[in-house]
Amino acid sequence: MEYYTYILRSKTTGKYYCGQTNNMYDRILRHNSGRNKYTKHGVPWELISFYKFSTRAEAVSLESKIKKRGIERFLKDLES
């Protein structure tokens, strides 16, 4: 099974959200349907980037690192 860490950006608020999943398609649909309490106010969301892993532990680890660093800062560091 594959696991993903992903970064979304709200088209309405400009805010970012980071999460992890094993079903990217379903997860983004759930975010954009307003079924997630943390992202329901930012609908619609667009996928900015994602990272694929072979274990959930790896995906959770990267999610934690991104959130500790700050999503915008993490993205800027990638551009450098």
N, C-alpha and C. Protein backbone atom coordinates (compact mmCIF):
# COMPACT_ATOMS: atom_id res chain seq x y z
N MET A 1 0.84 -1.18 0.00
CA MET A 1 0.00 0.00 0.00
C MET A 1 0.88 1.24 0.00
N GLU A 2 0.39 2.27 -0.66
CA GLU A 2 1.13 3.54 -0.71
C GLU A 2 0.48 4.55 0.23
N TYR A 3 1.30 5.41 0.80
CA TYR A 3 0.84 6.45 1.71
C TYR A 3 1.36 7.78 1.20
N TYR A 4 0.62 8.83 1.48
CA TYR A 4 0.97 10.15 0.96
C TYR A 4 0.92 11.19 2.07
N THR A 5 1.84 12.14 1.98
CA THR A 5 1.77 13.37 2.74
C THR A 5 1.44 14.42 1.69
N TYR A 6 0.46 15.28 1.98
CA TYR A 6 0.02 16.23 0.96
C TYR A 6 -0.14 17.62 1.56
N ILE A 7 -0.05 18.62 0.67
CA ILE A 7 -0.26 20.00 1.07
C ILE A 7 -1.34 20.58 0.17
N LEU A 8 -2.34 21.17 0.82
CA LEU A 8 -3.44 21.81 0.11
C LEU A 8 -3.39 23.32 0.35
N ARG A 9 -3.96 24.08 -0.58
CA ARG A 9 -4.10 25.53 -0.42
C ARG A 9 -5.54 25.88 -0.70
N SER A 10 -6.14 26.68 0.18
CA SER A 10 -7.51 27.11 0.00
C SER A 10 -7.57 28.20 -1.07
N LYS A 11 -8.46 28.02 -2.04
CA LYS A 11 -8.63 29.02 -3.08
C LYS A 11 -9.38 30.25 -2.57
N THR A 12 -10.09 30.11 -1.45
CA THR A 12 -10.85 31.24 -0.92
C THR A 12 -10.10 32.02 0.16
N THR A 13 -9.37 31.32 1.02
CA THR A 13 -8.69 32.01 2.13
C THR A 13 -7.19 32.15 1.92
N GLY A 14 -6.61 31.33 1.03
CA GLY A 14 -5.17 31.36 0.82
C GLY A 14 -4.39 30.58 1.87
N LYS A 15 -5.08 29.97 2.83
CA LYS A 15 -4.39 29.21 3.88
C LYS A 15 -3.98 27.84 3.36
N TYR A 16 -3.02 27.25 4.08
CA TYR A 16 -2.50 25.93 3.72
C TYR A 16 -2.94 24.90 4.72
N TYR A 17 -2.96 23.64 4.27
CA TYR A 17 -3.28 22.52 5.14
C TYR A 17 -2.38 21.35 4.73
N CYS A 18 -1.85 20.65 5.72
CA CYS A 18 -1.01 19.49 5.47
C CYS A 18 -1.62 18.28 6.15
N GLY A 19 -1.60 17.15 5.47
CA GLY A 19 -2.14 15.92 6.04
C GLY A 19 -1.49 14.70 5.42
N GLN A 20 -1.95 13.53 5.83
CA GLN A 20 -1.44 12.28 5.26
C GLN A 20 -2.60 11.32 5.08
N THR A 21 -2.48 10.43 4.09
CA THR A 21 -3.56 9.52 3.75
C THR A 21 -3.03 8.33 2.96
N ASN A 22 -3.87 7.32 2.80
CA ASN A 22 -3.52 6.23 1.89
C ASN A 22 -4.42 6.25 0.65
N ASN A 23 -5.34 7.23 0.59
CA ASN A 23 -6.22 7.37 -0.57
C ASN A 23 -6.36 8.86 -0.89
N MET A 24 -5.47 9.35 -1.73
CA MET A 24 -5.39 10.78 -2.03
C MET A 24 -6.69 11.30 -2.65
N TYR A 25 -7.24 10.57 -3.60
CA TYR A 25 -8.45 11.02 -4.30
C TYR A 25 -9.60 11.21 -3.32
N ASP A 26 -9.87 10.20 -2.49
CA ASP A 26 -10.96 10.28 -1.53
C ASP A 26 -10.72 11.38 -0.51
N ARG A 27 -9.50 11.53 -0.08
CA ARG A 27 -9.19 12.53 0.96
C ARG A 27 -9.44 13.95 0.46
N ILE A 28 -9.04 14.24 -0.77
CA ILE A 28 -9.26 15.58 -1.31
C ILE A 28 -10.76 15.83 -1.53
N LEU A 29 -11.47 14.80 -1.98
CA LEU A 29 -12.93 14.93 -2.11
C LEU A 29 -13.57 15.26 -0.76
N ARG A 30 -13.11 14.61 0.29
CA ARG A 30 -13.65 14.86 1.62
C ARG A 30 -13.35 16.28 2.09
N HIS A 31 -12.15 16.77 1.81
CA HIS A 31 -11.81 18.15 2.17
C HIS A 31 -12.72 19.13 1.41
N ASN A 32 -12.92 18.89 0.14
CA ASN A 32 -13.69 19.82 -0.68
C ASN A 32 -15.20 19.68 -0.49
N SER A 33 -15.65 18.63 0.16
CA SER A 33 -17.08 18.49 0.44
C SER A 33 -17.46 19.12 1.78
N GLY A 34 -16.46 19.58 2.53
CA GLY A 34 -16.72 20.20 3.82
C GLY A 34 -16.91 19.22 4.96
N ARG A 35 -16.50 17.97 4.77
CA ARG A 35 -16.67 16.95 5.81
C ARG A 35 -15.53 16.91 6.82
N ASN A 36 -14.55 17.76 6.67
CA ASN A 36 -13.43 17.81 7.61
C ASN A 36 -13.54 19.12 8.39
N LYS A 37 -13.61 19.05 9.72
CA LYS A 37 -13.86 20.25 10.51
C LYS A 37 -12.75 21.29 10.39
N TYR A 38 -11.53 20.87 10.10
CA TYR A 38 -10.43 21.81 10.01
C TYR A 38 -10.35 22.50 8.65
N THR A 39 -10.96 21.93 7.64
CA THR A 39 -10.84 22.51 6.30
C THR A 39 -12.16 22.94 5.69
N LYS A 40 -13.28 22.77 6.40
CA LYS A 40 -14.58 23.06 5.80
C LYS A 40 -14.76 24.54 5.47
N HIS A 41 -14.05 25.43 6.15
CA HIS A 41 -14.20 26.87 5.89
C HIS A 41 -13.31 27.37 4.76
N GLY A 42 -12.48 26.50 4.19
CA GLY A 42 -11.58 26.93 3.13
C GLY A 42 -11.92 26.38 1.76
N VAL A 43 -13.05 25.72 1.63
CA VAL A 43 -13.45 25.09 0.37
C VAL A 43 -13.56 26.15 -0.72
N PRO A 44 -13.07 25.93 -1.90
CA PRO A 44 -12.41 24.73 -2.41
C PRO A 44 -10.90 24.73 -2.13
N TRP A 45 -10.35 23.53 -2.05
CA TRP A 45 -8.92 23.33 -1.81
C TRP A 45 -8.27 22.80 -3.07
N GLU A 46 -7.02 23.25 -3.30
CA GLU A 46 -6.26 22.72 -4.43
C GLU A 46 -5.02 22.02 -3.91
N LEU A 47 -4.65 20.95 -4.57
CA LEU A 47 -3.46 20.19 -4.20
C LEU A 47 -2.23 20.94 -4.68
N ILE A 48 -1.35 21.30 -3.74
CA ILE A 48 -0.12 22.02 -4.05
C ILE A 48 1.02 21.04 -4.30
N SER A 49 1.18 20.07 -3.42
CA SER A 49 2.22 19.06 -3.60
C SER A 49 1.89 17.83 -2.77
N PHE A 50 2.54 16.72 -3.14
CA PHE A 50 2.37 15.49 -2.36
C PHE A 50 3.64 14.66 -2.46
N TYR A 51 3.82 13.80 -1.48
CA TYR A 51 5.01 12.96 -1.37
C TYR A 51 4.53 11.54 -1.09
N LYS A 52 5.06 10.58 -1.84
CA LYS A 52 4.61 9.19 -1.74
C LYS A 52 5.60 8.36 -0.93
N PHE A 53 5.06 7.49 -0.06
CA PHE A 53 5.87 6.64 0.79
C PHE A 53 5.33 5.21 0.78
N SER A 54 6.16 4.27 1.20
CA SER A 54 5.73 2.88 1.26
C SER A 54 5.17 2.51 2.64
N THR A 55 5.41 3.37 3.65
CA THR A 55 4.86 3.09 4.98
C THR A 55 4.14 4.33 5.53
N ARG A 56 3.15 4.08 6.36
CA ARG A 56 2.41 5.18 6.98
C ARG A 56 3.33 5.97 7.92
N ALA A 57 4.23 5.29 8.59
CA ALA A 57 5.15 5.96 9.51
C ALA A 57 5.96 7.04 8.81
N GLU A 58 6.40 6.77 7.59
CA GLU A 58 7.16 7.76 6.83
C GLU A 58 6.29 8.97 6.49
N ALA A 59 5.05 8.72 6.09
CA ALA A 59 4.14 9.80 5.75
C ALA A 59 3.82 10.67 6.97
N VAL A 60 3.57 10.03 8.09
CA VAL A 60 3.27 10.75 9.33
C VAL A 60 4.49 11.56 9.78
N SER A 61 5.67 11.00 9.62
CA SER A 61 6.89 11.69 10.01
C SER A 61 7.08 12.97 9.20
N LEU A 62 6.90 12.90 7.89
CA LEU A 62 7.04 14.10 7.06
C LEU A 62 5.95 15.11 7.40
N GLU A 63 4.73 14.66 7.61
CA GLU A 63 3.64 15.57 7.99
C GLU A 63 4.02 16.34 9.25
N SER A 64 4.55 15.64 10.23
CA SER A 64 4.96 16.27 11.48
C SER A 64 6.07 17.30 11.25
N LYS A 65 7.05 16.95 10.43
CA LYS A 65 8.16 17.88 10.13
C LYS A 65 7.65 19.13 9.44
N ILE A 66 6.74 18.96 8.48
CA ILE A 66 6.19 20.11 7.76
C ILE A 66 5.43 21.02 8.71
N LYS A 67 4.59 20.44 9.56
CA LYS A 67 3.80 21.25 10.48
C LYS A 67 4.67 21.96 11.50
N LYS A 68 5.74 21.33 11.95
CA LYS A 68 6.66 21.98 12.90
C LYS A 68 7.40 23.14 12.24
N ARG A 69 7.78 22.94 11.00
CA ARG A 69 8.51 23.97 10.26
C ARG A 69 7.59 25.11 9.85
N GLY A 70 6.35 24.80 9.58
CA GLY A 70 5.39 25.76 9.03
C GLY A 70 5.27 25.45 7.54
N ILE A 71 4.06 25.33 7.06
CA ILE A 71 3.85 24.89 5.68
C ILE A 71 4.44 25.87 4.68
N GLU A 72 4.16 27.16 4.84
CA GLU A 72 4.70 28.14 3.90
C GLU A 72 6.22 28.16 3.91
N ARG A 73 6.79 28.07 5.08
CA ARG A 73 8.26 28.05 5.21
C ARG A 73 8.84 26.82 4.56
N PHE A 74 8.20 25.67 4.77
CA PHE A 74 8.63 24.41 4.14
C PHE A 74 8.62 24.56 2.62
N LEU A 75 7.56 25.12 2.06
CA LEU A 75 7.46 25.30 0.61
C LEU A 75 8.52 26.26 0.08
N LYS A 76 8.78 27.33 0.82
CA LYS A 76 9.82 28.30 0.41
C LYS A 76 11.20 27.65 0.42
N ASP A 77 11.45 26.79 1.42
CA ASP A 77 12.74 26.11 1.51
C ASP A 77 12.95 25.19 0.31
N LEU A 78 11.86 24.61 -0.21
CA LEU A 78 11.97 23.75 -1.39
C LEU A 78 12.36 24.54 -2.62
N GLU A 79 11.90 25.78 -2.69
CA GLU A 79 12.21 26.63 -3.86
C GLU A 79 13.67 27.07 -3.87
N SER A 80 14.29 27.14 -2.70
CA SER A 80 15.68 27.61 -2.60
C SER A 80 16.68 26.60 -3.08
